[in-house]
Amino acid sequence: MLIGKRLKELRKAKGLTQEQLGELVNVTKVSICCYENGTRTPNLDTFQDLLNVLEVSADYLLGKDIKASVMKDNEVLYSIKIPKELADLYEELLLDKNLLRKVTDNDPKRMVELIDKILK
């Protein structure tokens, strides 16, 4: 189950144990374990608490594509839909700050080329 996989990745990226995350969202360690294993799903209140604590959108946790909007003065100038795969790659880059350096051998020109290819 994608929710469980993402939940576990995000929890670990924040340096939290299952018990610590459970305390932050008012559920037991066993509940967090069950969410991560896909044997139980959180109720709506707990789901919202998880989103807040982990600082992610519901779309991301549910594995849906992400819609990003460019705004100016509280007005949407344009919106784009980011495919799930690209959102996943972006999340990986956020979780591992050195990943881009590893992939590009720390060569700034290669980094720009890789990012350009991803965006096309």
PDB file of N, CA and C in Angstrom:
ATOM      1  N   MET A   1       0.842  -1.181   0.000  1.00  0.00           N
ATOM      2  CA  MET A   1       0.000   0.000   0.000  1.00  0.00           C
ATOM      3  C   MET A   1       0.887   1.244   0.000  1.00  0.00           C
ATOM      4  N   LEU A   2       0.624   2.159  -0.909  1.00  0.00           N
ATOM      5  CA  LEU A   2       1.450   3.346  -1.075  1.00  0.00           C
ATOM      6  C   LEU A   2       1.417   4.253   0.146  1.00  0.00           C
ATOM      7  N   ILE A   3       0.256   4.392   0.789  1.00  0.00           N
ATOM      8  CA  ILE A   3       0.165   5.252   1.976  1.00  0.00           C
ATOM      9  C   ILE A   3       1.147   4.774   3.029  1.00  0.00           C
ATOM     10  N   GLY A   4       1.156   3.493   3.295  1.00  0.00           N
ATOM     11  CA  GLY A   4       2.048   2.942   4.314  1.00  0.00           C
ATOM     12  C   GLY A   4       3.510   3.161   3.986  1.00  0.00           C
ATOM     13  N   LYS A   5       3.866   2.947   2.728  1.00  0.00           N
ATOM     14  CA  LYS A   5       5.258   3.131   2.298  1.00  0.00           C
ATOM     15  C   LYS A   5       5.682   4.587   2.472  1.00  0.00           C
ATOM     16  N   ARG A   6       4.839   5.489   2.014  1.00  0.00           N
ATOM     17  CA  ARG A   6       5.174   6.912   2.133  1.00  0.00           C
ATOM     18  C   ARG A   6       5.185   7.355   3.589  1.00  0.00           C
ATOM     19  N   LEU A   7       4.244   6.853   4.360  1.00  0.00           N
ATOM     20  CA  LEU A   7       4.191   7.203   5.781  1.00  0.00           C
ATOM     21  C   LEU A   7       5.489   6.805   6.478  1.00  0.00           C
ATOM     22  N   LYS A   8       5.949   5.605   6.201  1.00  0.00           N
ATOM     23  CA  LYS A   8       7.186   5.116   6.814  1.00  0.00           C
ATOM     24  C   LYS A   8       8.392   5.946   6.360  1.00  0.00           C
ATOM     25  N   GLU A   9       8.473   6.239   5.060  1.00  0.00           N
ATOM     26  CA  GLU A   9       9.583   7.043   4.536  1.00  0.00           C
ATOM     27  C   GLU A   9       9.612   8.425   5.176  1.00  0.00           C
ATOM     28  N   LEU A  10       8.447   9.051   5.275  1.00  0.00           N
ATOM     29  CA  LEU A  10       8.371  10.395   5.840  1.00  0.00           C
ATOM     30  C   LEU A  10       8.698  10.393   7.327  1.00  0.00           C
ATOM     31  N   ARG A  11       8.208   9.386   8.037  1.00  0.00           N
ATOM     32  CA  ARG A  11       8.495   9.276   9.474  1.00  0.00           C
ATOM     33  C   ARG A  11       9.990   9.157   9.698  1.00  0.00           C
ATOM     34  N   LYS A  12      10.627   8.284   8.933  1.00  0.00           N
ATOM     35  CA  LYS A  12      12.075   8.087   9.077  1.00  0.00           C
ATOM     36  C   LYS A  12      12.851   9.338   8.676  1.00  0.00           C
ATOM     37  N   ALA A  13      12.395  10.017   7.628  1.00  0.00           N
ATOM     38  CA  ALA A  13      13.070  11.240   7.188  1.00  0.00           C
ATOM     39  C   ALA A  13      13.020  12.320   8.266  1.00  0.00           C
ATOM     40  N   LYS A  14      11.970  12.309   9.064  1.00  0.00           N
ATOM     41  CA  LYS A  14      11.848  13.267  10.171  1.00  0.00           C
ATOM     42  C   LYS A  14      12.581  12.781  11.416  1.00  0.00           C
ATOM     43  N   GLY A  15      13.137  11.567  11.351  1.00  0.00           N
ATOM     44  CA  GLY A  15      13.874  11.032  12.491  1.00  0.00           C
ATOM     45  C   GLY A  15      12.981  10.609  13.637  1.00  0.00           C
ATOM     46  N   LEU A  16      11.753  10.206  13.322  1.00  0.00           N
ATOM     47  CA  LEU A  16      10.797   9.808  14.352  1.00  0.00           C
ATOM     48  C   LEU A  16      10.659   8.296  14.426  1.00  0.00           C
ATOM     49  N   THR A  17      10.470   7.792  15.629  1.00  0.00           N
ATOM     50  CA  THR A  17      10.119   6.384  15.801  1.00  0.00           C
ATOM     51  C   THR A  17       8.608   6.268  15.629  1.00  0.00           C
ATOM     52  N   GLN A  18       8.127   5.049  15.500  1.00  0.00           N
ATOM     53  CA  GLN A  18       6.680   4.842  15.421  1.00  0.00           C
ATOM     54  C   GLN A  18       6.007   5.356  16.692  1.00  0.00           C
ATOM     55  N   GLU A  19       6.649   5.135  17.819  1.00  0.00           N
ATOM     56  CA  GLU A  19       6.092   5.586  19.091  1.00  0.00           C
ATOM     57  C   GLU A  19       6.010   7.116  19.146  1.00  0.00           C
ATOM     58  N   GLN A  20       7.060   7.789  18.708  1.00  0.00           N
ATOM     59  CA  GLN A  20       7.066   9.260  18.724  1.00  0.00           C
ATOM     60  C   GLN A  20       5.994   9.833  17.799  1.00  0.00           C
ATOM     61  N   LEU A  21       5.881   9.267  16.597  1.00  0.00           N
ATOM     62  CA  LEU A  21       4.851   9.739  15.673  1.00  0.00           C
ATOM     63  C   LEU A  21       3.469   9.488  16.257  1.00  0.00           C
ATOM     64  N   GLY A  22       3.290   8.319  16.858  1.00  0.00           N
ATOM     65  CA  GLY A  22       2.016   8.004  17.497  1.00  0.00           C
ATOM     66  C   GLY A  22       1.642   9.020  18.560  1.00  0.00           C
ATOM     67  N   GLU A  23       2.615   9.409  19.367  1.00  0.00           N
ATOM     68  CA  GLU A  23       2.354  10.408  20.407  1.00  0.00           C
ATOM     69  C   GLU A  23       1.943  11.744  19.799  1.00  0.00           C
ATOM     70  N   LEU A  24       2.577  12.112  18.697  1.00  0.00           N
ATOM     71  CA  LEU A  24       2.271  13.395  18.053  1.00  0.00           C
ATOM     72  C   LEU A  24       0.871  13.434  17.447  1.00  0.00           C
ATOM     73  N   VAL A  25       0.349  12.265  17.055  1.00  0.00           N
ATOM     74  CA  VAL A  25      -0.985  12.222  16.438  1.00  0.00           C
ATOM     75  C   VAL A  25      -2.012  11.504  17.321  1.00  0.00           C
ATOM     76  N   ASN A  26      -1.631  11.251  18.568  1.00  0.00           N
ATOM     77  CA  ASN A  26      -2.534  10.665  19.571  1.00  0.00           C
ATOM     78  C   ASN A  26      -3.042   9.267  19.228  1.00  0.00           C
ATOM     79  N   VAL A  27      -2.144   8.421  18.725  1.00  0.00           N
ATOM     80  CA  VAL A  27      -2.458   7.003  18.522  1.00  0.00           C
ATOM     81  C   VAL A  27      -1.298   6.183  19.069  1.00  0.00           C
ATOM     82  N   THR A  28      -1.488   4.887  19.150  1.00  0.00           N
ATOM     83  CA  THR A  28      -0.446   4.018  19.686  1.00  0.00           C
ATOM     84  C   THR A  28       0.604   3.687  18.627  1.00  0.00           C
ATOM     85  N   LYS A  29       1.727   3.182  19.112  1.00  0.00           N
ATOM     86  CA  LYS A  29       2.793   2.697  18.226  1.00  0.00           C
ATOM     87  C   LYS A  29       2.247   1.588  17.333  1.00  0.00           C
ATOM     88  N   VAL A  30       1.393   0.748  17.893  1.00  0.00           N
ATOM     89  CA  VAL A  30       0.804  -0.361  17.133  1.00  0.00           C
ATOM     90  C   VAL A  30      -0.023   0.176  15.962  1.00  0.00           C
ATOM     91  N   SER A  31      -0.764   1.261  16.200  1.00  0.00           N
ATOM     92  CA  SER A  31      -1.557   1.856  15.116  1.00  0.00           C
ATOM     93  C   SER A  31      -0.658   2.347  13.989  1.00  0.00           C
ATOM     94  N   ILE A  32       0.424   3.046  14.339  1.00  0.00           N
ATOM     95  CA  ILE A  32       1.357   3.534  13.313  1.00  0.00           C
ATOM     96  C   ILE A  32       1.930   2.355  12.536  1.00  0.00           C
ATOM     97  N   CYS A  33       2.302   1.309  13.241  1.00  0.00           N
ATOM     98  CA  CYS A  33       2.833   0.100  12.597  1.00  0.00           C
ATOM     99  C   CYS A  33       1.807  -0.474  11.615  1.00  0.00           C
ATOM    100  N   CYS A  34       0.555  -0.531  12.035  1.00  0.00           N
ATOM    101  CA  CYS A  34      -0.502  -1.065  11.167  1.00  0.00           C
ATOM    102  C   CYS A  34      -0.734  -0.174   9.947  1.00  0.00           C
ATOM    103  N   TYR A  35      -0.665   1.147  10.125  1.00  0.00           N
ATOM    104  CA  TYR A  35      -0.810   2.055   8.981  1.00  0.00           C
ATOM    105  C   TYR A  35       0.316   1.807   7.979  1.00  0.00           C
ATOM    106  N   GLU A  36       1.537   1.672   8.502  1.00  0.00           N
ATOM    107  CA  GLU A  36       2.692   1.476   7.625  1.00  0.00           C
ATOM    108  C   GLU A  36       2.649   0.129   6.911  1.00  0.00           C
ATOM    109  N   ASN A  37       2.101  -0.876   7.566  1.00  0.00           N
ATOM    110  CA  ASN A  37       2.010  -2.208   6.961  1.00  0.00           C
ATOM    111  C   ASN A  37       0.774  -2.379   6.087  1.00  0.00           C
ATOM    112  N   GLY A  38      -0.132  -1.404   6.122  1.00  0.00           N
ATOM    113  CA  GLY A  38      -1.333  -1.476   5.302  1.00  0.00           C
ATOM    114  C   GLY A  38      -2.435  -2.347   5.855  1.00  0.00           C
ATOM    115  N   THR A  39      -2.345  -2.731   7.129  1.00  0.00           N
ATOM    116  CA  THR A  39      -3.389  -3.567   7.721  1.00  0.00           C
ATOM    117  C   THR A  39      -4.498  -2.739   8.359  1.00  0.00           C
ATOM    118  N   ARG A  40      -4.278  -1.437   8.476  1.00  0.00           N
ATOM    119  CA  ARG A  40      -5.278  -0.537   9.048  1.00  0.00           C
ATOM    120  C   ARG A  40      -5.095   0.830   8.401  1.00  0.00           C
ATOM    121  N   THR A  41      -6.194   1.559   8.289  1.00  0.00           N
ATOM    122  CA  THR A  41      -6.098   2.922   7.771  1.00  0.00           C
ATOM    123  C   THR A  41      -6.505   3.900   8.866  1.00  0.00           C
ATOM    124  N   PRO A  42      -5.871   5.059   8.907  1.00  0.00           N
ATOM    125  CA  PRO A  42      -6.208   6.038   9.945  1.00  0.00           C
ATOM    126  C   PRO A  42      -7.581   6.658   9.696  1.00  0.00           C
ATOM    127  N   ASN A  43      -8.248   7.049  10.788  1.00  0.00           N
ATOM    128  CA  ASN A  43      -9.506   7.777  10.614  1.00  0.00           C
ATOM    129  C   ASN A  43      -9.180   9.177  10.099  1.00  0.00           C
ATOM    130  N   LEU A  44     -10.198   9.928   9.755  1.00  0.00           N
ATOM    131  CA  LEU A  44      -9.995  11.226   9.117  1.00  0.00           C
ATOM    132  C   LEU A  44      -9.211  12.199  10.001  1.00  0.00           C
ATOM    133  N   ASP A  45      -9.525  12.245  11.293  1.00  0.00           N
ATOM    134  CA  ASP A  45      -8.807  13.154  12.195  1.00  0.00           C
ATOM    135  C   ASP A  45      -7.330  12.783  12.290  1.00  0.00           C
ATOM    136  N   THR A  46      -7.055  11.501  12.429  1.00  0.00           N
ATOM    137  CA  THR A  46      -5.669  11.042  12.518  1.00  0.00           C
ATOM    138  C   THR A  46      -4.937  11.290  11.203  1.00  0.00           C
ATOM    139  N   PHE A  47      -5.618  11.059  10.091  1.00  0.00           N
ATOM    140  CA  PHE A  47      -5.023  11.310   8.777  1.00  0.00           C
ATOM    141  C   PHE A  47      -4.605  12.775   8.666  1.00  0.00           C
ATOM    142  N   GLN A  48      -5.494  13.679   9.080  1.00  0.00           N
ATOM    143  CA  GLN A  48      -5.179  15.115   9.032  1.00  0.00           C
ATOM    144  C   GLN A  48      -4.001  15.439   9.946  1.00  0.00           C
ATOM    145  N   ASP A  49      -3.971  14.830  11.125  1.00  0.00           N
ATOM    146  CA  ASP A  49      -2.848  15.044  12.046  1.00  0.00           C
ATOM    147  C   ASP A  49      -1.536  14.555  11.431  1.00  0.00           C
ATOM    148  N   LEU A  50      -1.581  13.414  10.757  1.00  0.00           N
ATOM    149  CA  LEU A  50      -0.383  12.885  10.095  1.00  0.00           C
ATOM    150  C   LEU A  50       0.111  13.857   9.022  1.00  0.00           C
ATOM    151  N   LEU A  51      -0.814  14.397   8.238  1.00  0.00           N
ATOM    152  CA  LEU A  51      -0.437  15.361   7.197  1.00  0.00           C
ATOM    153  C   LEU A  51       0.243  16.574   7.808  1.00  0.00           C
ATOM    154  N   ASN A  52      -0.314  17.061   8.913  1.00  0.00           N
ATOM    155  CA  ASN A  52       0.257  18.245   9.568  1.00  0.00           C
ATOM    156  C   ASN A  52       1.636  17.959  10.148  1.00  0.00           C
ATOM    157  N   VAL A  53       1.769  16.849  10.857  1.00  0.00           N
ATOM    158  CA  VAL A  53       3.049  16.512  11.489  1.00  0.00           C
ATOM    159  C   VAL A  53       4.125  16.239  10.440  1.00  0.00           C
ATOM    160  N   LEU A  54       3.758  15.537   9.379  1.00  0.00           N
ATOM    161  CA  LEU A  54       4.731  15.161   8.349  1.00  0.00           C
ATOM    162  C   LEU A  54       4.902  16.243   7.281  1.00  0.00           C
ATOM    163  N   GLU A  55       4.057  17.259   7.338  1.00  0.00           N
ATOM    164  CA  GLU A  55       4.144  18.401   6.424  1.00  0.00           C
ATOM    165  C   GLU A  55       4.067  17.993   4.956  1.00  0.00           C
ATOM    166  N   VAL A  56       3.040  17.213   4.641  1.00  0.00           N
ATOM    167  CA  VAL A  56       2.798  16.798   3.261  1.00  0.00           C
ATOM    168  C   VAL A  56       1.326  16.994   2.931  1.00  0.00           C
ATOM    169  N   SER A  57       1.010  16.949   1.654  1.00  0.00           N
ATOM    170  CA  SER A  57      -0.383  17.056   1.222  1.00  0.00           C
ATOM    171  C   SER A  57      -1.033  15.680   1.235  1.00  0.00           C
ATOM    172  N   ALA A  58      -2.347  15.688   1.280  1.00  0.00           N
ATOM    173  CA  ALA A  58      -3.095  14.430   1.205  1.00  0.00           C
ATOM    174  C   ALA A  58      -2.825  13.744  -0.128  1.00  0.00           C
ATOM    175  N   ASP A  59      -2.762  14.525  -1.204  1.00  0.00           N
ATOM    176  CA  ASP A  59      -2.482  13.945  -2.520  1.00  0.00           C
ATOM    177  C   ASP A  59      -1.163  13.192  -2.520  1.00  0.00           C
ATOM    178  N   TYR A  60      -0.151  13.785  -1.898  1.00  0.00           N
ATOM    179  CA  TYR A  60       1.138  13.101  -1.877  1.00  0.00           C
ATOM    180  C   TYR A  60       1.047  11.797  -1.096  1.00  0.00           C
ATOM    181  N   LEU A  61       0.463  11.855   0.100  1.00  0.00           N
ATOM    182  CA  LEU A  61       0.393  10.651   0.929  1.00  0.00           C
ATOM    183  C   LEU A  61      -0.451   9.568   0.264  1.00  0.00           C
ATOM    184  N   LEU A  62      -1.469   9.970  -0.490  1.00  0.00           N
ATOM    185  CA  LEU A  62      -2.332   9.012  -1.177  1.00  0.00           C
ATOM    186  C   LEU A  62      -1.745   8.531  -2.500  1.00  0.00           C
ATOM    187  N   GLY A  63      -0.640   9.140  -2.932  1.00  0.00           N
ATOM    188  CA  GLY A  63       0.010   8.693  -4.156  1.00  0.00           C
ATOM    189  C   GLY A  63      -0.579   9.273  -5.420  1.00  0.00           C
ATOM    190  N   LYS A  64      -1.319  10.358  -5.297  1.00  0.00           N
ATOM    191  CA  LYS A  64      -1.914  10.984  -6.477  1.00  0.00           C
ATOM    192  C   LYS A  64      -0.933  11.972  -7.090  1.00  0.00           C
ATOM    193  N   ASP A  65      -1.210  12.336  -8.330  1.00  0.00           N
ATOM    194  CA  ASP A  65      -0.418  13.387  -8.960  1.00  0.00           C
ATOM    195  C   ASP A  65      -0.595  14.670  -8.165  1.00  0.00           C
ATOM    196  N   ILE A  66       0.374  15.529  -8.270  1.00  0.00           N
ATOM    197  CA  ILE A  66       0.349  16.775  -7.526  1.00  0.00           C
ATOM    198  C   ILE A  66       0.081  17.918  -8.494  1.00  0.00           C
ATOM    199  N   LYS A  67      -0.784  18.823  -8.110  1.00  0.00           N
ATOM    200  CA  LYS A  67      -1.057  20.005  -8.918  1.00  0.00           C
ATOM    201  C   LYS A  67      -0.367  21.184  -8.249  1.00  0.00           C
ATOM    202  N   ALA A  68       0.494  21.855  -8.989  1.00  0.00           N
ATOM    203  CA  ALA A  68       1.209  23.010  -8.455  1.00  0.00           C
ATOM    204  C   ALA A  68       0.702  24.261  -9.162  1.00  0.00           C
ATOM    205  N   SER A  69       0.553  25.311  -8.392  1.00  0.00           N
ATOM    206  CA  SER A  69       0.075  26.572  -8.947  1.00  0.00           C
ATOM    207  C   SER A  69       1.099  27.668  -8.709  1.00  0.00           C
ATOM    208  N   VAL A  70       1.246  28.515  -9.702  1.00  0.00           N
ATOM    209  CA  VAL A  70       2.094  29.692  -9.561  1.00  0.00           C
ATOM    210  C   VAL A  70       1.153  30.865  -9.306  1.00  0.00           C
ATOM    211  N   MET A  71       1.402  31.549  -8.184  1.00  0.00           N
ATOM    212  CA  MET A  71       0.495  32.620  -7.781  1.00  0.00           C
ATOM    213  C   MET A  71       1.237  33.948  -7.662  1.00  0.00           C
ATOM    214  N   LYS A  72       0.487  35.008  -7.868  1.00  0.00           N
ATOM    215  CA  LYS A  72       1.006  36.357  -7.651  1.00  0.00           C
ATOM    216  C   LYS A  72      -0.145  37.189  -7.092  1.00  0.00           C
ATOM    217  N   ASP A  73       0.104  37.839  -5.968  1.00  0.00           N
ATOM    218  CA  ASP A  73      -0.923  38.659  -5.315  1.00  0.00           C
ATOM    219  C   ASP A  73      -2.216  37.870  -5.093  1.00  0.00           C
ATOM    220  N   ASN A  74      -2.086  36.661  -4.564  1.00  0.00           N
ATOM    221  CA  ASN A  74      -3.218  35.774  -4.272  1.00  0.00           C
ATOM    222  C   ASN A  74      -4.043  35.406  -5.499  1.00  0.00           C
ATOM    223  N   GLU A  75      -3.472  35.525  -6.677  1.00  0.00           N
ATOM    224  CA  GLU A  75      -4.156  35.148  -7.906  1.00  0.00           C
ATOM    225  C   GLU A  75      -3.347  34.060  -8.605  1.00  0.00           C
ATOM    226  N   VAL A  76      -4.020  32.996  -9.017  1.00  0.00           N
ATOM    227  CA  VAL A  76      -3.346  31.903  -9.707  1.00  0.00           C
ATOM    228  C   VAL A  76      -3.021  32.349 -11.125  1.00  0.00           C
ATOM    229  N   LEU A  77      -1.728  32.371 -11.440  1.00  0.00           N
ATOM    230  CA  LEU A  77      -1.305  32.732 -12.792  1.00  0.00           C
ATOM    231  C   LEU A  77      -1.436  31.539 -13.727  1.00  0.00           C
ATOM    232  N   TYR A  78      -0.987  30.375 -13.253  1.00  0.00           N
ATOM    233  CA  TYR A  78      -1.161  29.141 -14.010  1.00  0.00           C
ATOM    234  C   TYR A  78      -0.935  27.955 -13.088  1.00  0.00           C
ATOM    235  N   SER A  79      -1.456  26.817 -13.504  1.00  0.00           N
ATOM    236  CA  SER A  79      -1.294  25.586 -12.735  1.00  0.00           C
ATOM    237  C   SER A  79      -0.746  24.506 -13.643  1.00  0.00           C
ATOM    238  N   ILE A  80       0.035  23.629 -13.057  1.00  0.00           N
ATOM    239  CA  ILE A  80       0.529  22.473 -13.801  1.00  0.00           C
ATOM    240  C   ILE A  80       0.296  21.229 -12.966  1.00  0.00           C
ATOM    241  N   LYS A  81       0.110  20.129 -13.641  1.00  0.00           N
ATOM    242  CA  LYS A  81      -0.044  18.854 -12.957  1.00  0.00           C
ATOM    243  C   LYS A  81       1.289  18.127 -13.036  1.00  0.00           C
ATOM    244  N   ILE A  82       1.813  17.772 -11.882  1.00  0.00           N
ATOM    245  CA  ILE A  82       3.096  17.087 -11.814  1.00  0.00           C
ATOM    246  C   ILE A  82       2.825  15.590 -11.719  1.00  0.00           C
ATOM    247  N   PRO A  83       3.326  14.798 -12.656  1.00  0.00           N
ATOM    248  CA  PRO A  83       3.106  13.353 -12.602  1.00  0.00           C
ATOM    249  C   PRO A  83       3.658  12.755 -11.309  1.00  0.00           C
ATOM    250  N   LYS A  84       3.023  11.689 -10.872  1.00  0.00           N
ATOM    251  CA  LYS A  84       3.409  11.017  -9.636  1.00  0.00           C
ATOM    252  C   LYS A  84       4.891  10.668  -9.624  1.00  0.00           C
ATOM    253  N   GLU A  85       5.409  10.203 -10.744  1.00  0.00           N
ATOM    254  CA  GLU A  85       6.812   9.806 -10.812  1.00  0.00           C
ATOM    255  C   GLU A  85       7.742  10.992 -10.543  1.00  0.00           C
ATOM    256  N   LEU A  86       7.401  12.145 -11.106  1.00  0.00           N
ATOM    257  CA  LEU A  86       8.215  13.338 -10.890  1.00  0.00           C
ATOM    258  C   LEU A  86       8.089  13.820  -9.449  1.00  0.00           C
ATOM    259  N   ALA A  87       6.885  13.730  -8.894  1.00  0.00           N
ATOM    260  CA  ALA A  87       6.690  14.098  -7.486  1.00  0.00           C
ATOM    261  C   ALA A  87       7.498  13.167  -6.588  1.00  0.00           C
ATOM    262  N   ASP A  88       7.538  11.884  -6.940  1.00  0.00           N
ATOM    263  CA  ASP A  88       8.333  10.918  -6.168  1.00  0.00           C
ATOM    264  C   ASP A  88       9.817  11.266  -6.233  1.00  0.00           C
ATOM    265  N   LEU A  89      10.293  11.605  -7.430  1.00  0.00           N
ATOM    266  CA  LEU A  89      11.698  11.973  -7.591  1.00  0.00           C
ATOM    267  C   LEU A  89      12.017  13.220  -6.771  1.00  0.00           C
ATOM    268  N   TYR A  90      11.130  14.195  -6.830  1.00  0.00           N
ATOM    269  CA  TYR A  90      11.319  15.419  -6.053  1.00  0.00           C
ATOM    270  C   TYR A  90      11.382  15.096  -4.562  1.00  0.00           C
ATOM    271  N   GLU A  91      10.492  14.221  -4.108  1.00  0.00           N
ATOM    272  CA  GLU A  91      10.485  13.834  -2.692  1.00  0.00           C
ATOM    273  C   GLU A  91      11.785  13.130  -2.319  1.00  0.00           C
ATOM    274  N   GLU A  92      12.284  12.272  -3.204  1.00  0.00           N
ATOM    275  CA  GLU A  92      13.560  11.601  -2.941  1.00  0.00           C
ATOM    276  C   GLU A  92      14.689  12.619  -2.805  1.00  0.00           C
ATOM    277  N   LEU A  93      14.669  13.629  -3.676  1.00  0.00           N
ATOM    278  CA  LEU A  93      15.692  14.672  -3.596  1.00  0.00           C
ATOM    279  C   LEU A  93      15.579  15.455  -2.291  1.00  0.00           C
ATOM    280  N   LEU A  94      14.352  15.673  -1.821  1.00  0.00           N
ATOM    281  CA  LEU A  94      14.170  16.363  -0.544  1.00  0.00           C
ATOM    282  C   LEU A  94      14.644  15.511   0.620  1.00  0.00           C
ATOM    283  N   LEU A  95      14.358  14.219   0.552  1.00  0.00           N
ATOM    284  CA  LEU A  95      14.718  13.328   1.654  1.00  0.00           C
ATOM    285  C   LEU A  95      16.217  13.081   1.727  1.00  0.00           C
ATOM    286  N   ASP A  96      16.880  13.054   0.583  1.00  0.00           N
ATOM    287  CA  ASP A  96      18.322  12.811   0.559  1.00  0.00           C
ATOM    288  C   ASP A  96      19.000  13.994  -0.126  1.00  0.00           C
ATOM    289  N   LYS A  97      19.426  14.943   0.673  1.00  0.00           N
ATOM    290  CA  LYS A  97      20.009  16.182   0.151  1.00  0.00           C
ATOM    291  C   LYS A  97      21.237  15.928  -0.726  1.00  0.00           C
ATOM    292  N   ASN A  98      21.901  14.817  -0.541  1.00  0.00           N
ATOM    293  CA  ASN A  98      23.114  14.533  -1.307  1.00  0.00           C
ATOM    294  C   ASN A  98      22.855  13.702  -2.558  1.00  0.00           C
ATOM    295  N   LEU A  99      21.607  13.301  -2.783  1.00  0.00           N
ATOM    296  CA  LEU A  99      21.299  12.429  -3.910  1.00  0.00           C
ATOM    297  C   LEU A  99      21.675  13.071  -5.249  1.00  0.00           C
ATOM    298  N   LEU A 100      21.308  14.324  -5.444  1.00  0.00           N
ATOM    299  CA  LEU A 100      21.634  14.985  -6.707  1.00  0.00           C
ATOM    300  C   LEU A 100      23.139  15.059  -6.905  1.00  0.00           C
ATOM    301  N   ARG A 101      23.866  15.318  -5.833  1.00  0.00           N
ATOM    302  CA  ARG A 101      25.336  15.363  -5.934  1.00  0.00           C
ATOM    303  C   ARG A 101      25.892  13.986  -6.298  1.00  0.00           C
ATOM    304  N   LYS A 102      25.324  12.946  -5.703  1.00  0.00           N
ATOM    305  CA  LYS A 102      25.791  11.583  -5.987  1.00  0.00           C
ATOM    306  C   LYS A 102      25.550  11.231  -7.451  1.00  0.00           C
ATOM    307  N   VAL A 103      24.361  11.560  -7.942  1.00  0.00           N
ATOM    308  CA  VAL A 103      23.982  11.204  -9.310  1.00  0.00           C
ATOM    309  C   VAL A 103      24.800  11.980 -10.333  1.00  0.00           C
ATOM    310  N   THR A 104      25.180  13.196 -10.001  1.00  0.00           N
ATOM    311  CA  THR A 104      25.878  14.056 -10.964  1.00  0.00           C
ATOM    312  C   THR A 104      27.362  14.210 -10.664  1.00  0.00           C
ATOM    313  N   ASP A 105      27.879  13.435  -9.755  1.00  0.00           N
ATOM    314  CA  ASP A 105      29.296  13.514  -9.367  1.00  0.00           C
ATOM    315  C   ASP A 105      29.687  14.929  -8.937  1.00  0.00           C
ATOM    316  N   ASN A 106      28.723  15.636  -8.337  1.00  0.00           N
ATOM    317  CA  ASN A 106      28.940  16.983  -7.795  1.00  0.00           C
ATOM    318  C   ASN A 106      29.375  17.990  -8.863  1.00  0.00           C
ATOM    319  N   ASP A 107      29.019  17.734 -10.125  1.00  0.00           N
ATOM    320  CA  ASP A 107      29.351  18.625 -11.235  1.00  0.00           C
ATOM    321  C   ASP A 107      28.149  19.546 -11.487  1.00  0.00           C
ATOM    322  N   PRO A 108      28.288  20.844 -11.197  1.00  0.00           N
ATOM    323  CA  PRO A 108      27.157  21.771 -11.340  1.00  0.00           C
ATOM    324  C   PRO A 108      26.529  21.763 -12.732  1.00  0.00           C
ATOM    325  N   LYS A 109      27.360  21.671 -13.782  1.00  0.00           N
ATOM    326  CA  LYS A 109      26.827  21.654 -15.147  1.00  0.00           C
ATOM    327  C   LYS A 109      25.959  20.416 -15.361  1.00  0.00           C
ATOM    328  N   ARG A 110      26.426  19.282 -14.873  1.00  0.00           N
ATOM    329  CA  ARG A 110      25.660  18.034 -14.997  1.00  0.00           C
ATOM    330  C   ARG A 110      24.361  18.107 -14.192  1.00  0.00           C
ATOM    331  N   MET A 111      24.402  18.762 -13.030  1.00  0.00           N
ATOM    332  CA  MET A 111      23.191  18.932 -12.220  1.00  0.00           C
ATOM    333  C   MET A 111      22.132  19.698 -13.002  1.00  0.00           C
ATOM    334  N   VAL A 112      22.543  20.790 -13.640  1.00  0.00           N
ATOM    335  CA  VAL A 112      21.614  21.607 -14.420  1.00  0.00           C
ATOM    336  C   VAL A 112      21.050  20.802 -15.583  1.00  0.00           C
ATOM    337  N   GLU A 113      21.897  20.030 -16.262  1.00  0.00           N
ATOM    338  CA  GLU A 113      21.443  19.199 -17.384  1.00  0.00           C
ATOM    339  C   GLU A 113      20.415  18.174 -16.922  1.00  0.00           C
ATOM    340  N   LEU A 114      20.677  17.538 -15.779  1.00  0.00           N
ATOM    341  CA  LEU A 114      19.756  16.527 -15.259  1.00  0.00           C
ATOM    342  C   LEU A 114      18.418  17.157 -14.889  1.00  0.00           C
ATOM    343  N   ILE A 115      18.456  18.281 -14.212  1.00  0.00           N
ATOM    344  CA  ILE A 115      17.215  18.963 -13.834  1.00  0.00           C
ATOM    345  C   ILE A 115      16.451  19.387 -15.080  1.00  0.00           C
ATOM    346  N   ASP A 116      17.161  19.878 -16.088  1.00  0.00           N
ATOM    347  CA  ASP A 116      16.527  20.286 -17.341  1.00  0.00           C
ATOM    348  C   ASP A 116      15.835  19.101 -18.014  1.00  0.00           C
ATOM    349  N   LYS A 117      16.484  17.939 -18.037  1.00  0.00           N
ATOM    350  CA  LYS A 117      15.881  16.737 -18.629  1.00  0.00           C
ATOM    351  C   LYS A 117      14.632  16.321 -17.867  1.00  0.00           C
ATOM    352  N   ILE A 118      14.687  16.414 -16.552  1.00  0.00           N
ATOM    353  CA  ILE A 118      13.538  16.029 -15.726  1.00  0.00           C
ATOM    354  C   ILE A 118      12.342  16.922 -16.027  1.00  0.00           C
ATOM    355  N   LEU A 119      12.588  18.209 -16.209  1.00  0.00           N
ATOM    356  CA  LEU A 119      11.499  19.164 -16.407  1.00  0.00           C
ATOM    357  C   LEU A 119      10.909  19.130 -17.805  1.00  0.00           C
ATOM    358  N   LYS A 120      11.604  18.508 -18.771  1.00  0.00           N
ATOM    359  CA  LYS A 120      11.087  18.457 -20.149  1.00  0.00           C
ATOM    360  C   LYS A 120      10.139  17.326 -20.345  1.00  0.00           C
TER     361      LYS A 120
END
